[in-house]
Amino acid sequence: MIRAPVNAAPEDGRAGGAEGPARADEAGRTQKPHRRRSGRTRVHGRDDGRRLGAAELGQRLGERATLVQFSSAFCAPCRATRRVLTEVARMVPGVAHVEIDAEQRLELVRALGILKTPTVLVLDADGRIVRRAAGQPRTADVIAALGDAL
């Protein structure tokens, strides 16, 4: 049996093989799209200065920052995320952890464009969203994200 290389184009004519279609960068070099296979956290930047307050969250904001977690009832990574965020909130003075049940707060989930659980928003002292991450974060990642808020 002869096996084709992993990056070879499939026989059905689709371009790019396992990683998807190739594309060219500014210099004309061909690049394959980056795919995360680990299932770890995907971090996104700011949310256009959107602010969340105590009325929307159902709890007070932290003095320096707030970690907002969107969870669902049967989400195993949500439980691990809760432990990580609670630990970070205890370690860093002035940081609060707020957990929101995504199923109970669908209007807020839709307004913020939350697509999966767990999703974590890092808010600064004024309630501005400075970081957003989907997936189970590591403690070091959360502490690094708090650097943008503090």
N, C-alpha and C. Protein backbone atom coordinates (compact mmCIF):
# COMPACT_ATOMS: atom_id res chain seq x y z
N MET A 1 0.84 -1.17 0.00
CA MET A 1 0.00 0.00 0.00
C MET A 1 0.89 1.24 0.00
N ILE A 2 0.58 2.18 -0.88
CA ILE A 2 1.33 3.42 -0.99
C ILE A 2 0.53 4.50 -0.30
N ARG A 3 1.18 5.23 0.57
CA ARG A 3 0.51 6.30 1.30
C ARG A 3 1.00 7.64 0.78
N ALA A 4 0.06 8.56 0.62
CA ALA A 4 0.41 9.91 0.20
C ALA A 4 0.91 10.68 1.40
N PRO A 5 1.82 11.64 1.20
CA PRO A 5 2.27 12.46 2.32
C PRO A 5 1.09 13.19 2.96
N VAL A 6 1.23 13.52 4.23
CA VAL A 6 0.15 14.17 4.98
C VAL A 6 -0.29 15.47 4.33
N ASN A 7 0.65 16.25 3.80
CA ASN A 7 0.32 17.55 3.24
C ASN A 7 -0.08 17.50 1.78
N ALA A 8 -0.14 16.31 1.18
CA ALA A 8 -0.52 16.20 -0.22
C ALA A 8 -2.00 16.51 -0.39
N ALA A 9 -2.34 16.99 -1.60
CA ALA A 9 -3.73 17.30 -1.88
C ALA A 9 -4.53 16.00 -1.95
N PRO A 10 -5.73 15.98 -1.42
CA PRO A 10 -6.54 14.78 -1.47
C PRO A 10 -6.99 14.48 -2.89
N GLU A 11 -7.38 13.24 -3.13
CA GLU A 11 -7.75 12.81 -4.47
C GLU A 11 -9.04 13.45 -4.95
N ASP A 12 -9.86 13.99 -4.07
CA ASP A 12 -11.14 14.56 -4.49
C ASP A 12 -11.00 15.96 -5.09
N GLY A 13 -9.76 16.44 -5.22
CA GLY A 13 -9.52 17.71 -5.89
C GLY A 13 -9.48 18.92 -4.98
N ARG A 14 -9.77 18.75 -3.68
CA ARG A 14 -9.69 19.90 -2.79
C ARG A 14 -8.23 20.31 -2.64
N ALA A 15 -7.99 21.58 -2.51
CA ALA A 15 -6.62 22.08 -2.37
C ALA A 15 -6.18 22.07 -0.93
N GLY A 16 -4.90 21.83 -0.70
CA GLY A 16 -4.32 22.08 0.60
C GLY A 16 -4.21 20.91 1.54
N GLY A 17 -4.82 19.80 1.32
CA GLY A 17 -4.66 18.65 2.20
C GLY A 17 -5.31 18.85 3.55
N ALA A 18 -4.71 18.30 4.59
CA ALA A 18 -5.31 18.27 5.93
C ALA A 18 -5.45 19.64 6.57
N GLU A 19 -4.58 20.58 6.22
CA GLU A 19 -4.61 21.89 6.88
C GLU A 19 -5.53 22.88 6.20
N GLY A 20 -6.15 22.54 5.10
CA GLY A 20 -7.02 23.47 4.41
C GLY A 20 -6.28 24.13 3.26
N PRO A 21 -6.92 25.06 2.56
CA PRO A 21 -6.31 25.68 1.40
C PRO A 21 -5.12 26.56 1.77
N ALA A 22 -4.12 26.54 0.90
CA ALA A 22 -2.94 27.38 1.12
C ALA A 22 -3.28 28.80 0.68
N ARG A 23 -2.59 29.79 1.23
CA ARG A 23 -2.77 31.17 0.81
C ARG A 23 -1.42 31.85 0.79
N ALA A 24 -1.32 32.95 0.08
CA ALA A 24 -0.04 33.65 -0.05
C ALA A 24 -0.02 34.85 0.88
N ASP A 25 1.14 35.11 1.47
CA ASP A 25 1.29 36.30 2.31
C ASP A 25 1.69 37.48 1.43
N GLU A 26 2.05 38.62 2.07
CA GLU A 26 2.39 39.83 1.33
C GLU A 26 3.59 39.65 0.41
N ALA A 27 4.52 38.80 0.79
CA ALA A 27 5.73 38.58 -0.01
C ALA A 27 5.52 37.51 -1.07
N GLY A 28 4.33 36.94 -1.16
CA GLY A 28 4.04 35.93 -2.16
C GLY A 28 4.38 34.51 -1.74
N ARG A 29 4.81 34.34 -0.48
CA ARG A 29 5.12 33.00 0.02
C ARG A 29 3.83 32.28 0.36
N THR A 30 3.77 31.00 0.08
CA THR A 30 2.59 30.21 0.38
C THR A 30 2.60 29.83 1.85
N GLN A 31 1.46 30.04 2.51
CA GLN A 31 1.34 29.69 3.92
C GLN A 31 0.08 28.87 4.11
N LYS A 32 0.15 27.92 5.01
CA LYS A 32 -1.02 27.13 5.39
C LYS A 32 -1.65 27.78 6.61
N PRO A 33 -2.99 27.75 6.73
CA PRO A 33 -3.62 28.34 7.92
C PRO A 33 -3.25 27.57 9.18
N HIS A 34 -3.09 28.30 10.28
CA HIS A 34 -2.75 27.68 11.57
C HIS A 34 -4.01 27.10 12.19
N ARG A 35 -3.94 25.84 12.58
CA ARG A 35 -5.06 25.21 13.26
C ARG A 35 -4.63 24.74 14.62
N ARG A 36 -5.41 25.06 15.63
CA ARG A 36 -5.14 24.58 16.98
C ARG A 36 -5.78 23.23 17.15
N ARG A 37 -5.01 22.27 17.54
CA ARG A 37 -5.55 20.94 17.76
C ARG A 37 -5.63 20.59 19.24
N SER A 38 -5.07 21.43 20.09
CA SER A 38 -4.98 21.11 21.51
C SER A 38 -6.28 21.35 22.26
N GLY A 39 -7.18 22.17 21.72
CA GLY A 39 -8.41 22.49 22.43
C GLY A 39 -8.20 23.51 23.53
N ARG A 40 -7.03 24.10 23.60
CA ARG A 40 -6.74 25.08 24.64
C ARG A 40 -7.40 26.42 24.34
N THR A 41 -7.17 27.35 25.17
CA THR A 41 -7.79 28.66 25.11
C THR A 41 -7.44 29.41 23.83
N ARG A 42 -8.43 30.04 23.25
CA ARG A 42 -8.22 30.95 22.13
C ARG A 42 -8.47 32.36 22.68
N VAL A 43 -7.46 33.18 22.64
CA VAL A 43 -7.54 34.51 23.23
C VAL A 43 -7.81 35.54 22.14
N HIS A 44 -8.73 36.41 22.40
CA HIS A 44 -9.07 37.48 21.48
C HIS A 44 -8.81 38.80 22.18
N GLY A 45 -8.73 39.85 21.40
CA GLY A 45 -8.41 41.16 21.96
C GLY A 45 -9.61 41.88 22.53
N ARG A 46 -9.55 43.17 22.46
CA ARG A 46 -10.57 44.04 23.06
C ARG A 46 -11.89 43.95 22.31
N ASP A 47 -12.98 44.27 23.00
CA ASP A 47 -14.32 44.23 22.42
C ASP A 47 -14.83 45.64 22.15
N ASP A 48 -14.08 46.44 21.43
CA ASP A 48 -14.48 47.79 21.04
C ASP A 48 -14.92 48.66 22.21
N GLY A 49 -14.29 48.50 23.37
CA GLY A 49 -14.57 49.34 24.52
C GLY A 49 -15.90 49.07 25.19
N ARG A 50 -16.52 47.96 24.90
CA ARG A 50 -17.81 47.62 25.53
C ARG A 50 -17.64 47.53 27.04
N ARG A 51 -18.61 48.04 27.78
CA ARG A 51 -18.58 48.00 29.24
C ARG A 51 -19.71 47.15 29.78
N LEU A 52 -19.42 46.47 30.87
CA LEU A 52 -20.44 45.72 31.60
C LEU A 52 -20.47 46.25 33.03
N GLY A 53 -21.65 46.40 33.56
CA GLY A 53 -21.79 46.90 34.93
C GLY A 53 -22.38 45.85 35.85
N ALA A 54 -22.52 46.23 37.09
CA ALA A 54 -23.07 45.33 38.11
C ALA A 54 -24.50 44.91 37.75
N ALA A 55 -25.26 45.79 37.13
CA ALA A 55 -26.65 45.46 36.77
C ALA A 55 -26.69 44.33 35.74
N GLU A 56 -25.78 44.37 34.77
CA GLU A 56 -25.76 43.32 33.74
C GLU A 56 -25.20 42.01 34.27
N LEU A 57 -24.22 42.10 35.18
CA LEU A 57 -23.56 40.90 35.70
C LEU A 57 -24.31 40.27 36.87
N GLY A 58 -25.08 41.07 37.58
CA GLY A 58 -25.78 40.55 38.75
C GLY A 58 -24.93 40.56 40.00
N GLN A 59 -23.71 41.06 39.93
CA GLN A 59 -22.80 41.17 41.08
C GLN A 59 -21.94 42.42 40.89
N ARG A 60 -21.31 42.84 41.97
CA ARG A 60 -20.43 44.01 41.90
C ARG A 60 -19.16 43.67 41.16
N LEU A 61 -18.59 44.69 40.50
CA LEU A 61 -17.29 44.54 39.85
C LEU A 61 -16.19 44.53 40.90
N GLY A 62 -15.05 43.94 40.56
CA GLY A 62 -13.90 43.98 41.44
C GLY A 62 -13.31 45.38 41.48
N GLU A 63 -12.59 45.71 42.53
CA GLU A 63 -11.98 47.04 42.66
C GLU A 63 -10.99 47.32 41.55
N ARG A 64 -10.22 46.29 41.15
CA ARG A 64 -9.19 46.48 40.12
C ARG A 64 -9.53 45.79 38.81
N ALA A 65 -10.18 44.64 38.86
CA ALA A 65 -10.54 43.87 37.66
C ALA A 65 -11.59 42.84 38.03
N THR A 66 -12.27 42.32 36.98
CA THR A 66 -13.28 41.29 37.18
C THR A 66 -13.09 40.21 36.12
N LEU A 67 -13.15 38.96 36.56
CA LEU A 67 -13.09 37.81 35.66
C LEU A 67 -14.52 37.29 35.52
N VAL A 68 -15.10 37.41 34.33
CA VAL A 68 -16.46 36.99 34.08
C VAL A 68 -16.42 35.68 33.30
N GLN A 69 -17.03 34.65 33.87
CA GLN A 69 -17.04 33.33 33.24
C GLN A 69 -18.45 32.97 32.81
N PHE A 70 -18.62 32.62 31.53
CA PHE A 70 -19.88 32.11 31.02
C PHE A 70 -19.77 30.59 30.99
N SER A 71 -20.70 29.92 31.68
CA SER A 71 -20.67 28.47 31.84
C SER A 71 -22.01 27.88 31.48
N SER A 72 -22.02 26.56 31.38
CA SER A 72 -23.28 25.82 31.22
C SER A 72 -23.24 24.63 32.17
N ALA A 73 -24.40 24.06 32.44
CA ALA A 73 -24.54 23.06 33.50
C ALA A 73 -23.70 21.81 33.31
N PHE A 74 -23.63 21.29 32.10
CA PHE A 74 -22.95 20.01 31.89
C PHE A 74 -21.60 20.17 31.20
N CYS A 75 -20.94 21.27 31.45
CA CYS A 75 -19.67 21.60 30.82
C CYS A 75 -18.53 21.25 31.77
N ALA A 76 -17.79 20.18 31.48
CA ALA A 76 -16.68 19.77 32.35
C ALA A 76 -15.56 20.81 32.39
N PRO A 77 -15.15 21.39 31.26
CA PRO A 77 -14.12 22.43 31.32
C PRO A 77 -14.55 23.66 32.12
N CYS A 78 -15.87 23.87 32.24
CA CYS A 78 -16.36 25.01 33.02
C CYS A 78 -16.03 24.85 34.50
N ARG A 79 -16.11 23.63 35.00
CA ARG A 79 -15.79 23.38 36.41
C ARG A 79 -14.30 23.65 36.68
N ALA A 80 -13.45 23.19 35.76
CA ALA A 80 -12.02 23.43 35.92
C ALA A 80 -11.70 24.92 35.80
N THR A 81 -12.41 25.60 34.88
CA THR A 81 -12.21 27.05 34.72
C THR A 81 -12.62 27.78 35.98
N ARG A 82 -13.72 27.36 36.60
CA ARG A 82 -14.18 27.97 37.85
C ARG A 82 -13.09 27.87 38.92
N ARG A 83 -12.46 26.71 39.03
CA ARG A 83 -11.38 26.54 40.03
C ARG A 83 -10.22 27.47 39.75
N VAL A 84 -9.81 27.57 38.48
CA VAL A 84 -8.68 28.43 38.10
C VAL A 84 -8.99 29.89 38.40
N LEU A 85 -10.17 30.36 37.98
CA LEU A 85 -10.52 31.77 38.18
C LEU A 85 -10.71 32.12 39.64
N THR A 86 -11.28 31.20 40.42
CA THR A 86 -11.43 31.42 41.86
C THR A 86 -10.06 31.53 42.52
N GLU A 87 -9.15 30.66 42.11
CA GLU A 87 -7.78 30.70 42.66
C GLU A 87 -7.09 32.02 42.32
N VAL A 88 -7.21 32.47 41.09
CA VAL A 88 -6.58 33.74 40.69
C VAL A 88 -7.21 34.91 41.43
N ALA A 89 -8.54 34.90 41.58
CA ALA A 89 -9.22 35.99 42.30
C ALA A 89 -8.77 36.05 43.76
N ARG A 90 -8.45 34.91 44.35
CA ARG A 90 -7.94 34.90 45.73
C ARG A 90 -6.50 35.39 45.80
N MET A 91 -5.71 35.09 44.77
CA MET A 91 -4.29 35.45 44.76
C MET A 91 -4.06 36.94 44.50
N VAL A 92 -4.88 37.54 43.64
CA VAL A 92 -4.66 38.92 43.21
C VAL A 92 -5.65 39.83 43.92
N PRO A 93 -5.17 40.75 44.75
CA PRO A 93 -6.08 41.65 45.48
C PRO A 93 -6.89 42.54 44.53
N GLY A 94 -8.16 42.73 44.85
CA GLY A 94 -9.02 43.61 44.08
C GLY A 94 -9.63 42.98 42.84
N VAL A 95 -9.43 41.67 42.66
CA VAL A 95 -9.98 40.97 41.49
C VAL A 95 -11.16 40.12 41.95
N ALA A 96 -12.28 40.22 41.23
CA ALA A 96 -13.48 39.44 41.54
C ALA A 96 -13.73 38.43 40.44
N HIS A 97 -14.36 37.32 40.79
CA HIS A 97 -14.76 36.30 39.83
C HIS A 97 -16.28 36.23 39.82
N VAL A 98 -16.88 36.37 38.64
CA VAL A 98 -18.33 36.31 38.48
C VAL A 98 -18.62 35.20 37.47
N GLU A 99 -19.44 34.24 37.89
CA GLU A 99 -19.82 33.16 36.98
C GLU A 99 -21.27 33.36 36.55
N ILE A 100 -21.50 33.28 35.24
CA ILE A 100 -22.83 33.49 34.68
C ILE A 100 -23.26 32.22 33.95
N ASP A 101 -24.46 31.74 34.26
CA ASP A 101 -25.02 30.59 33.58
C ASP A 101 -25.53 31.06 32.21
N ALA A 102 -24.88 30.58 31.16
CA ALA A 102 -25.20 31.03 29.80
C ALA A 102 -26.64 30.72 29.43
N GLU A 103 -27.17 29.62 29.91
CA GLU A 103 -28.54 29.24 29.57
C GLU A 103 -29.57 30.16 30.23
N GLN A 104 -29.25 30.68 31.41
CA GLN A 104 -30.15 31.58 32.12
C GLN A 104 -30.09 33.01 31.60
N ARG A 105 -28.97 33.38 30.98
CA ARG A 105 -28.75 34.77 30.55
C ARG A 105 -28.53 34.86 29.04
N LEU A 106 -29.42 34.25 28.26
CA LEU A 106 -29.26 34.19 26.81
C LEU A 106 -29.18 35.56 26.15
N GLU A 107 -29.91 36.54 26.67
CA GLU A 107 -29.87 37.88 26.07
C GLU A 107 -28.47 38.48 26.18
N LEU A 108 -27.80 38.29 27.30
CA LEU A 108 -26.44 38.79 27.48
C LEU A 108 -25.46 37.99 26.63
N VAL A 109 -25.65 36.68 26.56
CA VAL A 109 -24.79 35.81 25.74
C VAL A 109 -24.85 36.25 24.29
N ARG A 110 -26.04 36.50 23.79
CA ARG A 110 -26.20 36.93 22.40
C ARG A 110 -25.62 38.31 22.17
N ALA A 111 -25.85 39.22 23.11
CA ALA A 111 -25.34 40.59 22.97
C ALA A 111 -23.81 40.63 22.93
N LEU A 112 -23.17 39.71 23.67
CA LEU A 112 -21.71 39.68 23.72
C LEU A 112 -21.09 38.74 22.69
N GLY A 113 -21.91 38.01 21.97
CA GLY A 113 -21.39 37.10 20.96
C GLY A 113 -20.65 35.90 21.54
N ILE A 114 -21.13 35.40 22.67
CA ILE A 114 -20.54 34.21 23.29
C ILE A 114 -21.00 33.00 22.48
N LEU A 115 -20.06 32.22 21.96
CA LEU A 115 -20.40 31.08 21.11
C LEU A 115 -20.20 29.73 21.77
N LYS A 116 -19.38 29.68 22.83
CA LYS A 116 -19.14 28.40 23.50
C LYS A 116 -18.82 28.64 24.96
N THR A 117 -18.95 27.59 25.74
CA THR A 117 -18.58 27.67 27.15
C THR A 117 -17.42 26.71 27.40
N PRO A 118 -16.51 27.06 28.27
CA PRO A 118 -16.44 28.32 29.00
C PRO A 118 -15.86 29.44 28.14
N THR A 119 -16.39 30.62 28.33
CA THR A 119 -15.81 31.84 27.77
C THR A 119 -15.54 32.77 28.95
N VAL A 120 -14.35 33.35 28.98
CA VAL A 120 -13.94 34.23 30.07
C VAL A 120 -13.71 35.62 29.51
N LEU A 121 -14.30 36.62 30.16
CA LEU A 121 -14.05 38.02 29.83
C LEU A 121 -13.27 38.63 30.98
N VAL A 122 -12.25 39.40 30.66
CA VAL A 122 -11.49 40.13 31.67
C VAL A 122 -11.90 41.58 31.56
N LEU A 123 -12.45 42.11 32.65
CA LEU A 123 -12.91 43.50 32.70
C LEU A 123 -11.95 44.32 33.55
N ASP A 124 -11.73 45.57 33.15
CA ASP A 124 -10.94 46.45 34.00
C ASP A 124 -11.83 47.02 35.10
N ALA A 125 -11.31 47.93 35.90
CA ALA A 125 -12.05 48.48 37.04
C ALA A 125 -13.32 49.22 36.61
N ASP A 126 -13.33 49.76 35.38
CA ASP A 126 -14.49 50.48 34.87
C ASP A 126 -15.50 49.57 34.17
N GLY A 127 -15.20 48.27 34.08
CA GLY A 127 -16.10 47.34 33.43
C GLY A 127 -15.87 47.17 31.94
N ARG A 128 -14.80 47.77 31.40
CA ARG A 128 -14.48 47.61 29.98
C ARG A 128 -13.90 46.22 29.74
N ILE A 129 -14.32 45.58 28.66
CA ILE A 129 -13.78 44.27 28.30
C ILE A 129 -12.40 44.47 27.67
N VAL A 130 -11.37 43.97 28.35
CA VAL A 130 -10.01 44.10 27.83
C VAL A 130 -9.48 42.82 27.22
N ARG A 131 -10.04 41.68 27.60
CA ARG A 131 -9.63 40.39 27.04
C ARG A 131 -10.82 39.46 27.02
N ARG A 132 -10.80 38.55 26.06
CA ARG A 132 -11.84 37.53 25.91
C ARG A 132 -11.13 36.25 25.52
N ALA A 133 -11.50 35.15 26.15
CA ALA A 133 -10.90 33.85 25.83
C ALA A 133 -11.96 32.77 25.89
N ALA A 134 -11.94 31.88 24.91
CA ALA A 134 -12.86 30.75 24.89
C ALA A 134 -12.06 29.48 25.15
N GLY A 135 -12.56 28.63 26.00
CA GLY A 135 -11.86 27.40 26.34
C GLY A 135 -11.34 27.46 27.76
N GLN A 136 -10.76 26.37 28.19
CA GLN A 136 -10.26 26.27 29.57
C GLN A 136 -8.90 26.95 29.69
N PRO A 137 -8.79 28.02 30.48
CA PRO A 137 -7.51 28.73 30.60
C PRO A 137 -6.60 28.10 31.65
N ARG A 138 -5.32 28.37 31.50
CA ARG A 138 -4.36 28.00 32.54
C ARG A 138 -4.20 29.20 33.47
N THR A 139 -3.77 28.94 34.68
CA THR A 139 -3.59 30.01 35.67
C THR A 139 -2.66 31.09 35.15
N ALA A 140 -1.55 30.71 34.55
CA ALA A 140 -0.59 31.68 34.03
C ALA A 140 -1.21 32.56 32.95
N ASP A 141 -2.07 31.98 32.10
CA ASP A 141 -2.74 32.76 31.05
C ASP A 141 -3.68 33.80 31.64
N VAL A 142 -4.39 33.43 32.70
CA VAL A 142 -5.33 34.36 33.33
C VAL A 142 -4.57 35.51 33.98
N ILE A 143 -3.48 35.19 34.67
CA ILE A 143 -2.68 36.23 35.31
C ILE A 143 -2.08 37.18 34.26
N ALA A 144 -1.64 36.62 33.15
CA ALA A 144 -1.11 37.47 32.07
C ALA A 144 -2.19 38.36 31.48
N ALA A 145 -3.39 37.83 31.30
CA ALA A 145 -4.51 38.63 30.76
C ALA A 145 -4.91 39.73 31.74
N LEU A 146 -4.79 39.47 33.04
CA LEU A 146 -5.09 40.50 34.03
C LEU A 146 -4.15 41.67 33.94
N GLY A 147 -2.95 41.44 33.41
CA GLY A 147 -1.99 42.54 33.24
C GLY A 147 -2.54 43.66 32.39
N ASP A 148 -3.40 43.34 31.41
CA ASP A 148 -4.00 44.37 30.56
C ASP A 148 -5.05 45.18 31.30
N ALA A 149 -5.64 44.58 32.33
CA ALA A 149 -6.72 45.24 33.07
C ALA A 149 -6.22 46.05 34.25
N LEU A 150 -5.08 45.67 34.80
CA LEU A 150 -4.60 46.32 36.02
C LEU A 150 -3.74 47.53 35.75
